[in-house]
N, C-alpha and C. Protein backbone atom coordinates (compact mmCIF):
# COMPACT_ATOMS: atom_id res chain seq x y z
N MET A 1 46.65 25.03 5.03
CA MET A 1 46.42 24.66 6.42
C MET A 1 45.10 23.92 6.55
N THR A 2 45.15 22.77 7.13
CA THR A 2 43.95 21.96 7.29
C THR A 2 43.19 22.39 8.55
N GLU A 3 41.89 22.56 8.40
CA GLU A 3 41.08 22.92 9.57
C GLU A 3 40.67 21.66 10.30
N HIS A 4 40.78 21.71 11.60
CA HIS A 4 40.36 20.60 12.43
C HIS A 4 39.14 21.02 13.22
N ALA A 5 38.32 20.05 13.57
CA ALA A 5 37.16 20.36 14.39
C ALA A 5 37.63 20.87 15.75
N ASN A 6 36.92 21.79 16.28
CA ASN A 6 37.24 22.33 17.59
C ASN A 6 37.04 21.22 18.62
N PRO A 7 38.09 20.82 19.33
CA PRO A 7 37.94 19.73 20.29
C PRO A 7 36.92 20.03 21.39
N LYS A 8 36.71 21.32 21.67
CA LYS A 8 35.73 21.67 22.69
C LYS A 8 34.31 21.45 22.21
N SER A 9 34.12 21.32 20.91
CA SER A 9 32.78 21.07 20.40
C SER A 9 32.49 19.57 20.31
N GLU A 10 33.50 18.77 20.54
CA GLU A 10 33.33 17.32 20.51
C GLU A 10 32.89 16.82 21.89
N PRO A 11 32.18 15.71 21.94
CA PRO A 11 31.81 15.16 23.26
C PRO A 11 33.07 14.86 24.08
N PHE A 12 33.07 15.25 25.33
CA PHE A 12 34.24 15.03 26.16
C PHE A 12 33.97 14.09 27.33
N SER A 13 32.79 13.49 27.36
CA SER A 13 32.50 12.48 28.37
C SER A 13 31.59 11.43 27.77
N ASN A 14 31.59 10.25 28.37
CA ASN A 14 30.74 9.18 27.85
C ASN A 14 29.27 9.55 27.90
N ALA A 15 28.90 10.42 28.82
CA ALA A 15 27.50 10.81 28.95
C ALA A 15 27.02 11.56 27.71
N GLU A 16 27.95 12.11 26.92
CA GLU A 16 27.57 12.88 25.75
C GLU A 16 27.82 12.14 24.45
N LYS A 17 28.43 10.97 24.52
CA LYS A 17 28.72 10.19 23.31
C LYS A 17 27.64 9.12 23.13
N ASP A 18 27.41 8.76 21.89
CA ASP A 18 26.49 7.68 21.59
C ASP A 18 27.06 6.39 22.19
N PRO A 19 26.26 5.65 22.96
CA PRO A 19 26.77 4.41 23.55
C PRO A 19 27.37 3.45 22.53
N ASP A 20 26.90 3.50 21.29
CA ASP A 20 27.48 2.63 20.26
C ASP A 20 28.93 2.98 19.96
N ASP A 21 29.35 4.20 20.33
CA ASP A 21 30.72 4.65 20.07
C ASP A 21 31.64 4.46 21.28
N TRP A 22 31.11 3.99 22.40
CA TRP A 22 31.93 3.79 23.59
C TRP A 22 32.94 2.68 23.35
N THR A 23 34.18 2.88 23.76
CA THR A 23 35.18 1.83 23.61
C THR A 23 34.95 0.69 24.60
N THR A 24 34.26 0.97 25.71
CA THR A 24 33.97 -0.07 26.71
C THR A 24 32.51 -0.47 26.70
N GLY A 25 31.81 -0.11 25.65
CA GLY A 25 30.37 -0.36 25.57
C GLY A 25 29.97 -1.82 25.61
N ASP A 26 30.90 -2.71 25.23
CA ASP A 26 30.56 -4.13 25.21
C ASP A 26 30.90 -4.83 26.52
N GLU A 27 31.39 -4.06 27.51
CA GLU A 27 31.65 -4.64 28.82
C GLU A 27 30.35 -4.74 29.61
N LYS A 28 30.35 -5.59 30.63
CA LYS A 28 29.17 -5.74 31.48
C LYS A 28 28.83 -4.40 32.12
N MET A 29 27.53 -4.13 32.24
CA MET A 29 27.12 -2.85 32.83
C MET A 29 27.68 -2.69 34.24
N THR A 30 27.81 -1.45 34.66
CA THR A 30 28.35 -1.16 35.98
C THR A 30 27.30 -1.45 37.05
N GLY A 31 27.76 -1.52 38.28
CA GLY A 31 26.84 -1.74 39.39
C GLY A 31 25.83 -0.60 39.51
N ALA A 32 26.29 0.62 39.27
CA ALA A 32 25.39 1.77 39.34
C ALA A 32 24.32 1.70 38.25
N GLN A 33 24.73 1.30 37.05
CA GLN A 33 23.76 1.14 35.97
C GLN A 33 22.74 0.07 36.33
N ALA A 34 23.22 -1.06 36.84
CA ALA A 34 22.33 -2.16 37.19
C ALA A 34 21.31 -1.74 38.25
N SER A 35 21.79 -1.03 39.27
CA SER A 35 20.91 -0.59 40.35
C SER A 35 19.84 0.35 39.83
N TYR A 36 20.24 1.34 39.05
CA TYR A 36 19.30 2.33 38.54
C TYR A 36 18.34 1.69 37.54
N LEU A 37 18.87 0.82 36.69
CA LEU A 37 18.04 0.15 35.70
C LEU A 37 17.00 -0.74 36.38
N LYS A 38 17.40 -1.40 37.46
CA LYS A 38 16.44 -2.24 38.18
C LYS A 38 15.32 -1.38 38.77
N THR A 39 15.67 -0.24 39.35
CA THR A 39 14.66 0.67 39.90
C THR A 39 13.71 1.15 38.81
N LEU A 40 14.28 1.60 37.68
CA LEU A 40 13.45 2.07 36.58
C LEU A 40 12.57 0.96 36.02
N SER A 41 13.12 -0.24 35.90
CA SER A 41 12.36 -1.37 35.37
C SER A 41 11.15 -1.66 36.25
N GLU A 42 11.37 -1.65 37.58
CA GLU A 42 10.27 -1.89 38.50
C GLU A 42 9.19 -0.82 38.37
N GLU A 43 9.61 0.44 38.30
CA GLU A 43 8.66 1.55 38.17
C GLU A 43 7.87 1.46 36.87
N ALA A 44 8.53 1.02 35.81
CA ALA A 44 7.89 0.96 34.50
C ALA A 44 7.14 -0.35 34.27
N GLY A 45 7.28 -1.30 35.20
CA GLY A 45 6.63 -2.60 35.02
C GLY A 45 7.27 -3.41 33.92
N GLU A 46 8.55 -3.19 33.71
CA GLU A 46 9.31 -3.90 32.66
C GLU A 46 10.22 -4.93 33.31
N PRO A 47 10.55 -6.00 32.59
CA PRO A 47 11.50 -6.98 33.14
C PRO A 47 12.90 -6.38 33.22
N PHE A 48 13.64 -6.78 34.25
CA PHE A 48 15.02 -6.33 34.42
C PHE A 48 15.95 -7.40 33.86
N ASP A 49 16.87 -6.99 32.98
CA ASP A 49 17.84 -7.92 32.39
C ASP A 49 19.22 -7.59 32.95
N ASP A 50 19.74 -8.48 33.80
CA ASP A 50 21.04 -8.20 34.43
C ASP A 50 22.23 -8.59 33.57
N GLY A 51 21.99 -9.00 32.34
CA GLY A 51 23.07 -9.41 31.45
C GLY A 51 23.41 -8.39 30.38
N LEU A 52 22.96 -7.15 30.54
CA LEU A 52 23.20 -6.13 29.52
C LEU A 52 24.64 -5.61 29.56
N THR A 53 25.09 -5.11 28.43
CA THR A 53 26.39 -4.43 28.37
C THR A 53 26.20 -2.99 28.83
N LYS A 54 27.32 -2.28 28.99
CA LYS A 54 27.24 -0.87 29.38
C LYS A 54 26.41 -0.07 28.38
N ALA A 55 26.66 -0.29 27.09
CA ALA A 55 25.95 0.46 26.06
C ALA A 55 24.46 0.10 26.05
N GLU A 56 24.15 -1.18 26.14
CA GLU A 56 22.74 -1.61 26.16
C GLU A 56 22.02 -1.05 27.38
N ALA A 57 22.70 -1.07 28.53
CA ALA A 57 22.10 -0.55 29.76
C ALA A 57 21.84 0.94 29.63
N SER A 58 22.77 1.68 29.04
CA SER A 58 22.57 3.11 28.87
C SER A 58 21.34 3.40 28.02
N LYS A 59 21.19 2.66 26.94
CA LYS A 59 20.03 2.84 26.06
C LYS A 59 18.74 2.47 26.78
N ALA A 60 18.78 1.38 27.56
CA ALA A 60 17.59 0.95 28.30
C ALA A 60 17.22 1.99 29.35
N ILE A 61 18.22 2.55 30.02
CA ILE A 61 17.97 3.59 31.02
C ILE A 61 17.31 4.79 30.36
N ASP A 62 17.83 5.22 29.22
CA ASP A 62 17.23 6.35 28.51
C ASP A 62 15.77 6.08 28.18
N ALA A 63 15.49 4.90 27.66
CA ALA A 63 14.12 4.55 27.27
C ALA A 63 13.19 4.51 28.49
N LEU A 64 13.68 3.92 29.58
CA LEU A 64 12.84 3.81 30.77
C LEU A 64 12.68 5.15 31.48
N GLN A 65 13.67 6.03 31.38
CA GLN A 65 13.52 7.37 31.95
C GLN A 65 12.38 8.10 31.25
N GLU A 66 12.30 7.95 29.94
CA GLU A 66 11.21 8.57 29.20
C GLU A 66 9.88 7.97 29.62
N LYS A 67 9.84 6.66 29.74
CA LYS A 67 8.60 5.97 30.08
C LYS A 67 8.10 6.33 31.47
N THR A 68 9.04 6.48 32.42
CA THR A 68 8.67 6.76 33.80
C THR A 68 8.62 8.25 34.11
N GLY A 69 9.06 9.09 33.17
CA GLY A 69 9.08 10.53 33.41
C GLY A 69 10.25 10.99 34.25
N ARG A 70 11.25 10.12 34.45
CA ARG A 70 12.41 10.48 35.24
C ARG A 70 13.51 11.13 34.39
N GLY A 71 13.34 11.14 33.10
CA GLY A 71 14.37 11.68 32.22
C GLY A 71 14.66 13.14 32.49
N ALA A 72 15.89 13.51 32.29
CA ALA A 72 16.30 14.90 32.48
C ALA A 72 16.11 15.66 31.18
N GLY A 73 14.90 16.06 30.92
CA GLY A 73 14.51 16.90 29.83
C GLY A 73 14.99 16.58 28.50
């Protein structure tokens, strides 16, 4: 009998998966991502790039959350 990984231990939402593994990661970022990223960019004094993909935007949001102290622990 082959053992399989417990599906409950696997990421079950995009928020828990590496953006590089997202199947839609190369699509244009969502409006919500753009809005939040613009706010974070302004707070951090960083340029806002409106041409990012979903995956790139997620990574940029993570980095800017750390820089601005808005990150969720």
